[in-house]
Amino acid sequence: MSDPVVYGFPRSTFVNIVRLVLTHKEVPYSFHDLEPEMGKPSHLALHPFNRVPILRHGDFTVYETSAIVAYLEEAFPKLALQPKSARDRARMNQWISAVNSYYYPYMIYHVSHERNVFPELGIPTDEKVVGHALPKIETGLQVLERELVHGKTYLLGSELTLADYYLLPCTYSFSFAPEAKAMYPKYPAFSRWRESMEGLPTVKKLRAALPPRAPIEHAREWAVSHRPKY
């Protein structure tokens, strides 16, 4: 069977979760940059809800990050990222759900878009959106600090899991916002986790493969179609 193909755009948080998992598993894959096609029929044929990522593996195509990484865990079991214990898997999935529900929406959808993505396109920041999100991000960082303060290397302890690769892209993208530069030093255990994760060969390899950060042109539509309103 041919190598998997990941469809998305380079700065997508969820696309980079999938790419981290593939890189960790040492699975050769190709990346198809959908930036010029976002929202067009060729993209919607792959993902009818106008989002990314999408994975194609031979004649099989699947979208939604959770579905993709679940497939990768079964299709490529080498270097597994799921714990063997049912309770540990529950904890891992709890973290994944928390990233989807509490970290991504406020770190990325609110602050990173307003502080990084929109200004790069000449769109003014909506300070109300940022202000609404900051207390929620602070809560998330406090939760992480409590979990990591006892010397854990990873979110589940000594074992690297999907939970760590889910959380890392959010904390990376948010780190470019000035608010992150003020917040992160207040949480030393969390900061140690970030430093450890950024030092992993998997993460370094993916970072080296990414193009230089550039404006996300199709994000002009985000300011109209799904910008938070407060």
C-alpha atoms as a PDB file:
ATOM      1  CA  MET A   1       0.000   0.000   0.000  1.00  0.00           C
ATOM      2  CA  SER A   2       1.180   3.527  -0.744  1.00  0.00           C
ATOM      3  CA  ASP A   3       2.397   5.876   1.972  1.00  0.00           C
ATOM      4  CA  PRO A   4      -0.236   7.977   3.777  1.00  0.00           C
ATOM      5  CA  VAL A   5      -0.984  11.501   2.591  1.00  0.00           C
ATOM      6  CA  VAL A   6      -1.853  14.252   5.086  1.00  0.00           C
ATOM      7  CA  TYR A   7      -3.975  17.108   3.754  1.00  0.00           C
ATOM      8  CA  GLY A   8      -4.036  20.448   5.533  1.00  0.00           C
ATOM      9  CA  PHE A   9      -2.115  23.676   5.884  1.00  0.00           C
ATOM     10  CA  PRO A  10       1.234  23.939   7.676  1.00  0.00           C
ATOM     11  CA  ARG A  11       0.234  26.051  10.690  1.00  0.00           C
ATOM     12  CA  SER A  12      -2.879  24.072  11.598  1.00  0.00           C
ATOM     13  CA  THR A  13      -2.788  22.852  15.193  1.00  0.00           C
ATOM     14  CA  PHE A  14      -4.695  19.670  14.425  1.00  0.00           C
ATOM     15  CA  VAL A  15      -2.755  18.928  11.251  1.00  0.00           C
ATOM     16  CA  ASN A  16       0.437  19.051  13.285  1.00  0.00           C
ATOM     17  CA  ILE A  17      -0.965  16.593  15.828  1.00  0.00           C
ATOM     18  CA  VAL A  18      -1.345  14.073  12.999  1.00  0.00           C
ATOM     19  CA  ARG A  19       2.109  14.879  11.632  1.00  0.00           C
ATOM     20  CA  LEU A  20       3.682  14.445  15.074  1.00  0.00           C
ATOM     21  CA  VAL A  21       2.083  11.015  15.436  1.00  0.00           C
ATOM     22  CA  LEU A  22       3.283   9.891  12.003  1.00  0.00           C
ATOM     23  CA  THR A  23       6.770  11.243  12.655  1.00  0.00           C
ATOM     24  CA  HIS A  24       6.922   9.547  16.056  1.00  0.00           C
ATOM     25  CA  LYS A  25       5.909   6.234  14.468  1.00  0.00           C
ATOM     26  CA  GLU A  26       8.526   6.689  11.725  1.00  0.00           C
ATOM     27  CA  VAL A  27       5.846   6.259   9.076  1.00  0.00           C
ATOM     28  CA  PRO A  28       6.810   7.803   5.710  1.00  0.00           C
ATOM     29  CA  TYR A  29       4.097  10.141   4.479  1.00  0.00           C
ATOM     30  CA  SER A  30       3.587  13.053   2.126  1.00  0.00           C
ATOM     31  CA  PHE A  31       1.969  16.373   2.922  1.00  0.00           C
ATOM     32  CA  HIS A  32      -0.505  18.073   0.593  1.00  0.00           C
ATOM     33  CA  ASP A  33      -0.826  21.776   1.376  1.00  0.00           C
ATOM     34  CA  LEU A  34      -4.489  22.708   0.950  1.00  0.00           C
ATOM     35  CA  GLU A  35      -3.967  26.436   1.523  1.00  0.00           C
ATOM     36  CA  PRO A  36      -4.775  27.374  -2.119  1.00  0.00           C
ATOM     37  CA  GLU A  37      -7.805  25.060  -2.104  1.00  0.00           C
ATOM     38  CA  MET A  38      -9.403  25.750   1.289  1.00  0.00           C
ATOM     39  CA  GLY A  39     -13.158  25.976   0.940  1.00  0.00           C
ATOM     40  CA  LYS A  40     -13.102  25.037  -2.734  1.00  0.00           C
ATOM     41  CA  PRO A  41     -14.759  21.916  -4.192  1.00  0.00           C
ATOM     42  CA  SER A  42     -11.504  19.921  -4.172  1.00  0.00           C
ATOM     43  CA  HIS A  43     -11.180  20.515  -0.419  1.00  0.00           C
ATOM     44  CA  LEU A  44     -14.859  19.962   0.370  1.00  0.00           C
ATOM     45  CA  ALA A  45     -14.723  16.657  -1.469  1.00  0.00           C
ATOM     46  CA  LEU A  46     -12.235  15.538   1.175  1.00  0.00           C
ATOM     47  CA  HIS A  47     -13.837  17.226   4.194  1.00  0.00           C
ATOM     48  CA  PRO A  48     -17.451  18.384   3.765  1.00  0.00           C
ATOM     49  CA  PHE A  49     -17.235  20.588   6.890  1.00  0.00           C
ATOM     50  CA  ASN A  50     -14.434  22.740   5.398  1.00  0.00           C
ATOM     51  CA  ARG A  51     -11.777  21.785   7.947  1.00  0.00           C
ATOM     52  CA  VAL A  52      -8.473  19.943   8.217  1.00  0.00           C
ATOM     53  CA  PRO A  53      -6.745  17.512   8.611  1.00  0.00           C
ATOM     54  CA  ILE A  54      -7.620  14.720   6.234  1.00  0.00           C
ATOM     55  CA  LEU A  55      -5.685  11.466   5.846  1.00  0.00           C
ATOM     56  CA  ARG A  56      -5.621   9.329   2.727  1.00  0.00           C
ATOM     57  CA  HIS A  57      -4.058   5.870   2.870  1.00  0.00           C
ATOM     58  CA  GLY A  58      -4.449   3.933  -0.341  1.00  0.00           C
ATOM     59  CA  ASP A  59      -8.152   3.862  -1.147  1.00  0.00           C
ATOM     60  CA  PHE A  60      -9.142   4.899   2.400  1.00  0.00           C
ATOM     61  CA  THR A  61      -9.829   8.538   3.331  1.00  0.00           C
ATOM     62  CA  VAL A  62     -10.734   9.772   6.820  1.00  0.00           C
ATOM     63  CA  TYR A  63     -11.116  13.199   8.416  1.00  0.00           C
ATOM     64  CA  GLU A  64     -11.226  14.442  12.050  1.00  0.00           C
ATOM     65  CA  THR A  65      -8.048  14.283  14.105  1.00  0.00           C
ATOM     66  CA  SER A  66      -9.308  11.786  16.682  1.00  0.00           C
ATOM     67  CA  ALA A  67     -10.414   9.369  13.957  1.00  0.00           C
ATOM     68  CA  ILE A  68      -7.129   9.766  12.091  1.00  0.00           C
ATOM     69  CA  VAL A  69      -4.863   9.107  15.071  1.00  0.00           C
ATOM     70  CA  ALA A  70      -7.006   6.149  16.168  1.00  0.00           C
ATOM     71  CA  TYR A  71      -6.563   4.696  12.688  1.00  0.00           C
ATOM     72  CA  LEU A  72      -2.802   5.341  12.761  1.00  0.00           C
ATOM     73  CA  GLU A  73      -2.481   3.571  16.115  1.00  0.00           C
ATOM     74  CA  GLU A  74      -4.096   0.448  14.650  1.00  0.00           C
ATOM     75  CA  ALA A  75      -2.605   0.583  11.166  1.00  0.00           C
ATOM     76  CA  PHE A  76       0.910   1.335  12.421  1.00  0.00           C
ATOM     77  CA  PRO A  77       1.208  -0.224  15.889  1.00  0.00           C
ATOM     78  CA  LYS A  78       4.984   0.254  16.068  1.00  0.00           C
ATOM     79  CA  LEU A  79       5.974   2.786  18.769  1.00  0.00           C
ATOM     80  CA  ALA A  80       2.476   2.816  20.226  1.00  0.00           C
ATOM     81  CA  LEU A  81       1.185   5.999  21.842  1.00  0.00           C
ATOM     82  CA  GLN A  82      -1.683   4.481  23.832  1.00  0.00           C
ATOM     83  CA  PRO A  83      -1.122   3.004  27.306  1.00  0.00           C
ATOM     84  CA  LYS A  84      -1.916  -0.646  27.942  1.00  0.00           C
ATOM     85  CA  SER A  85      -3.902   0.045  31.119  1.00  0.00           C
ATOM     86  CA  ALA A  86      -7.605   0.846  30.706  1.00  0.00           C
ATOM     87  CA  ARG A  87      -7.333   3.514  33.402  1.00  0.00           C
ATOM     88  CA  ASP A  88      -4.325   5.125  31.768  1.00  0.00           C
ATOM     89  CA  ARG A  89      -6.111   5.129  28.421  1.00  0.00           C
ATOM     90  CA  ALA A  90      -9.048   6.838  30.121  1.00  0.00           C
ATOM     91  CA  ARG A  91      -6.685   9.495  31.520  1.00  0.00           C
ATOM     92  CA  MET A  92      -5.141   9.941  28.085  1.00  0.00           C
ATOM     93  CA  ASN A  93      -8.560  10.389  26.481  1.00  0.00           C
ATOM     94  CA  GLN A  94      -9.540  12.781  29.263  1.00  0.00           C
ATOM     95  CA  TRP A  95      -6.585  14.980  28.298  1.00  0.00           C
ATOM     96  CA  ILE A  96      -7.411  14.740  24.606  1.00  0.00           C
ATOM     97  CA  SER A  97     -10.977  15.827  25.317  1.00  0.00           C
ATOM     98  CA  ALA A  98      -9.692  18.675  27.487  1.00  0.00           C
ATOM     99  CA  VAL A  99      -7.432  19.892  24.672  1.00  0.00           C
ATOM    100  CA  ASN A 100     -10.371  19.879  22.260  1.00  0.00           C
ATOM    101  CA  SER A 101     -12.760  21.550  24.711  1.00  0.00           C
ATOM    102  CA  TYR A 102     -10.677  23.890  26.904  1.00  0.00           C
ATOM    103  CA  TYR A 103      -7.162  24.461  25.546  1.00  0.00           C
ATOM    104  CA  TYR A 104      -7.561  24.737  21.784  1.00  0.00           C
ATOM    105  CA  PRO A 105     -10.655  26.996  21.820  1.00  0.00           C
ATOM    106  CA  TYR A 106      -9.048  29.626  24.041  1.00  0.00           C
ATOM    107  CA  MET A 107      -5.340  29.357  23.220  1.00  0.00           C
ATOM    108  CA  ILE A 108      -5.833  29.136  19.458  1.00  0.00           C
ATOM    109  CA  TYR A 109      -9.358  29.975  18.289  1.00  0.00           C
ATOM    110  CA  HIS A 110      -9.485  33.043  20.530  1.00  0.00           C
ATOM    111  CA  VAL A 111      -6.029  34.385  21.371  1.00  0.00           C
ATOM    112  CA  SER A 112      -3.691  33.034  18.693  1.00  0.00           C
ATOM    113  CA  HIS A 113      -6.060  34.050  15.921  1.00  0.00           C
ATOM    114  CA  GLU A 114      -6.469  37.524  17.360  1.00  0.00           C
ATOM    115  CA  ARG A 115      -2.822  38.105  18.278  1.00  0.00           C
ATOM    116  CA  ASN A 116      -1.050  36.324  15.435  1.00  0.00           C
ATOM    117  CA  VAL A 117      -3.209  35.202  12.529  1.00  0.00           C
ATOM    118  CA  PHE A 118      -5.445  38.234  11.975  1.00  0.00           C
ATOM    119  CA  PRO A 119      -2.768  40.945  12.467  1.00  0.00           C
ATOM    120  CA  GLU A 120      -0.575  39.194   9.875  1.00  0.00           C
ATOM    121  CA  LEU A 121      -3.434  39.784   7.425  1.00  0.00           C
ATOM    122  CA  GLY A 122      -3.959  43.410   8.440  1.00  0.00           C
ATOM    123  CA  ILE A 123      -7.116  42.592  10.431  1.00  0.00           C
ATOM    124  CA  PRO A 124      -7.283  44.403  13.809  1.00  0.00           C
ATOM    125  CA  THR A 125      -7.400  42.368  16.993  1.00  0.00           C
ATOM    126  CA  ASP A 126     -10.694  42.145  18.854  1.00  0.00           C
ATOM    127  CA  GLU A 127      -9.570  42.749  22.439  1.00  0.00           C
ATOM    128  CA  LYS A 128     -12.892  41.492  23.809  1.00  0.00           C
ATOM    129  CA  VAL A 129     -12.196  38.057  22.341  1.00  0.00           C
ATOM    130  CA  VAL A 130      -8.724  38.016  23.919  1.00  0.00           C
ATOM    131  CA  GLY A 131     -10.004  39.283  27.263  1.00  0.00           C
ATOM    132  CA  HIS A 132     -12.690  36.615  27.414  1.00  0.00           C
ATOM    133  CA  ALA A 133     -10.174  33.832  26.803  1.00  0.00           C
ATOM    134  CA  LEU A 134      -7.315  34.769  29.126  1.00  0.00           C
ATOM    135  CA  PRO A 135      -8.894  33.668  32.454  1.00  0.00           C
ATOM    136  CA  LYS A 136      -9.818  30.338  30.853  1.00  0.00           C
ATOM    137  CA  ILE A 137      -6.255  29.846  29.616  1.00  0.00           C
ATOM    138  CA  GLU A 138      -4.993  30.662  33.097  1.00  0.00           C
ATOM    139  CA  THR A 139      -7.252  27.951  34.499  1.00  0.00           C
ATOM    140  CA  GLY A 140      -5.908  25.478  31.968  1.00  0.00           C
ATOM    141  CA  LEU A 141      -2.311  26.286  32.864  1.00  0.00           C
ATOM    142  CA  GLN A 142      -3.101  25.910  36.570  1.00  0.00           C
ATOM    143  CA  VAL A 143      -4.546  22.455  35.909  1.00  0.00           C
ATOM    144  CA  LEU A 144      -1.437  21.473  33.966  1.00  0.00           C
ATOM    145  CA  GLU A 145       0.855  22.764  36.695  1.00  0.00           C
ATOM    146  CA  ARG A 146      -0.947  20.699  39.342  1.00  0.00           C
ATOM    147  CA  GLU A 147      -0.646  17.589  37.188  1.00  0.00           C
ATOM    148  CA  LEU A 148       3.031  18.067  36.363  1.00  0.00           C
ATOM    149  CA  VAL A 149       4.370  19.540  39.595  1.00  0.00           C
ATOM    150  CA  HIS A 150       5.271  16.138  41.083  1.00  0.00           C
ATOM    151  CA  GLY A 151       8.054  15.548  38.620  1.00  0.00           C
ATOM    152  CA  LYS A 152       6.106  13.875  35.828  1.00  0.00           C
ATOM    153  CA  THR A 153       7.970  13.859  32.536  1.00  0.00           C
ATOM    154  CA  TYR A 154       4.760  13.556  30.529  1.00  0.00           C
ATOM    155  CA  LEU A 155       1.062  14.107  31.202  1.00  0.00           C
ATOM    156  CA  LEU A 156       0.557  10.485  32.278  1.00  0.00           C
ATOM    157  CA  GLY A 157       3.868  10.205  34.111  1.00  0.00           C
ATOM    158  CA  SER A 158       6.887   8.530  32.553  1.00  0.00           C
ATOM    159  CA  GLU A 159       5.075   7.365  29.392  1.00  0.00           C
ATOM    160  CA  LEU A 160       4.761   9.538  26.296  1.00  0.00           C
ATOM    161  CA  THR A 161       1.224   9.250  24.889  1.00  0.00           C
ATOM    162  CA  LEU A 162      -1.120  10.809  22.384  1.00  0.00           C
ATOM    163  CA  ALA A 163      -2.154  13.247  25.122  1.00  0.00           C
ATOM    164  CA  ASP A 164       1.249  14.969  24.984  1.00  0.00           C
ATOM    165  CA  TYR A 165       1.198  15.259  21.204  1.00  0.00           C
ATOM    166  CA  TYR A 166      -2.344  16.647  21.338  1.00  0.00           C
ATOM    167  CA  LEU A 167      -1.443  19.382  23.789  1.00  0.00           C
ATOM    168  CA  LEU A 168       1.934  20.450  22.399  1.00  0.00           C
ATOM    169  CA  PRO A 169       0.803  22.234  19.188  1.00  0.00           C
ATOM    170  CA  CYS A 170      -1.636  24.442  21.147  1.00  0.00           C
ATOM    171  CA  THR A 171       1.014  25.481  23.641  1.00  0.00           C
ATOM    172  CA  TYR A 172       3.472  26.112  20.805  1.00  0.00           C
ATOM    173  CA  SER A 173       1.179  28.332  18.734  1.00  0.00           C
ATOM    174  CA  PHE A 174      -0.036  30.235  21.786  1.00  0.00           C
ATOM    175  CA  SER A 175       3.593  30.868  22.787  1.00  0.00           C
ATOM    176  CA  PHE A 176       3.871  33.524  20.045  1.00  0.00           C
ATOM    177  CA  ALA A 177       1.267  35.696  21.789  1.00  0.00           C
ATOM    178  CA  PRO A 178       2.584  38.284  24.269  1.00  0.00           C
ATOM    179  CA  GLU A 179       0.181  36.952  26.901  1.00  0.00           C
ATOM    180  CA  ALA A 180       1.943  33.564  26.781  1.00  0.00           C
ATOM    181  CA  LYS A 181       5.297  35.199  27.396  1.00  0.00           C
ATOM    182  CA  ALA A 182       3.856  36.667  30.604  1.00  0.00           C
ATOM    183  CA  MET A 183       1.925  33.563  31.668  1.00  0.00           C
ATOM    184  CA  TYR A 184       4.255  30.653  30.964  1.00  0.00           C
ATOM    185  CA  PRO A 185       7.060  31.564  33.422  1.00  0.00           C
ATOM    186  CA  LYS A 186       4.540  31.431  36.280  1.00  0.00           C
ATOM    187  CA  TYR A 187       4.184  27.678  35.727  1.00  0.00           C
ATOM    188  CA  PRO A 188       7.622  26.053  36.033  1.00  0.00           C
ATOM    189  CA  ALA A 189       6.464  22.425  35.912  1.00  0.00           C
ATOM    190  CA  PHE A 190       4.474  23.121  32.756  1.00  0.00           C
ATOM    191  CA  SER A 191       7.455  24.998  31.293  1.00  0.00           C
ATOM    192  CA  ARG A 192       9.703  22.008  31.983  1.00  0.00           C
ATOM    193  CA  TRP A 193       7.205  19.758  30.192  1.00  0.00           C
ATOM    194  CA  ARG A 194       7.235  22.088  27.178  1.00  0.00           C
ATOM    195  CA  GLU A 195      11.023  22.190  27.121  1.00  0.00           C
ATOM    196  CA  SER A 196      11.196  18.399  27.332  1.00  0.00           C
ATOM    197  CA  MET A 197       8.651  17.963  24.544  1.00  0.00           C
ATOM    198  CA  GLU A 198      10.356  20.499  22.267  1.00  0.00           C
ATOM    199  CA  GLY A 199      13.593  18.571  22.756  1.00  0.00           C
ATOM    200  CA  LEU A 200      12.182  15.279  21.473  1.00  0.00           C
ATOM    201  CA  PRO A 201      13.671  14.081  18.154  1.00  0.00           C
ATOM    202  CA  THR A 202      10.126  13.716  16.773  1.00  0.00           C
ATOM    203  CA  VAL A 203       9.316  17.359  17.472  1.00  0.00           C
ATOM    204  CA  LYS A 204      12.637  18.649  16.161  1.00  0.00           C
ATOM    205  CA  LYS A 205      12.208  16.623  12.967  1.00  0.00           C
ATOM    206  CA  LEU A 206       8.726  18.003  12.334  1.00  0.00           C
ATOM    207  CA  ARG A 207       9.753  21.588  13.109  1.00  0.00           C
ATOM    208  CA  ALA A 208      12.621  21.253  10.615  1.00  0.00           C
ATOM    209  CA  ALA A 209      10.201  20.016   7.935  1.00  0.00           C
ATOM    210  CA  LEU A 210       7.781  22.940   8.317  1.00  0.00           C
ATOM    211  CA  PRO A 211       8.106  26.010   6.097  1.00  0.00           C
ATOM    212  CA  PRO A 212       8.798  29.422   7.671  1.00  0.00           C
ATOM    213  CA  ARG A 213       5.746  30.915   9.363  1.00  0.00           C
ATOM    214  CA  ALA A 214       3.745  32.897   6.834  1.00  0.00           C
ATOM    215  CA  PRO A 215       0.309  34.563   6.808  1.00  0.00           C
ATOM    216  CA  ILE A 216      -2.610  32.146   6.519  1.00  0.00           C
ATOM    217  CA  GLU A 217      -4.373  33.755   3.577  1.00  0.00           C
ATOM    218  CA  HIS A 218      -7.582  31.746   3.766  1.00  0.00           C
ATOM    219  CA  ALA A 219      -7.971  32.918   7.395  1.00  0.00           C
ATOM    220  CA  ARG A 220      -9.380  36.212   6.104  1.00  0.00           C
ATOM    221  CA  GLU A 221     -12.663  34.336   5.898  1.00  0.00           C
ATOM    222  CA  TRP A 222     -12.414  33.287   9.556  1.00  0.00           C
ATOM    223  CA  ALA A 223     -12.878  36.877  10.679  1.00  0.00           C
ATOM    224  CA  VAL A 224     -16.253  36.806   8.920  1.00  0.00           C
ATOM    225  CA  SER A 225     -17.436  33.224   9.223  1.00  0.00           C
ATOM    226  CA  HIS A 226     -16.534  32.025  12.711  1.00  0.00           C
ATOM    227  CA  ARG A 227     -14.881  34.700  14.806  1.00  0.00           C
ATOM    228  CA  PRO A 228     -16.062  34.624  18.453  1.00  0.00           C
ATOM    229  CA  LYS A 229     -18.489  37.416  19.388  1.00  0.00           C
ATOM    230  CA  TYR A 230     -18.585  38.963  22.883  1.00  0.00           C
END
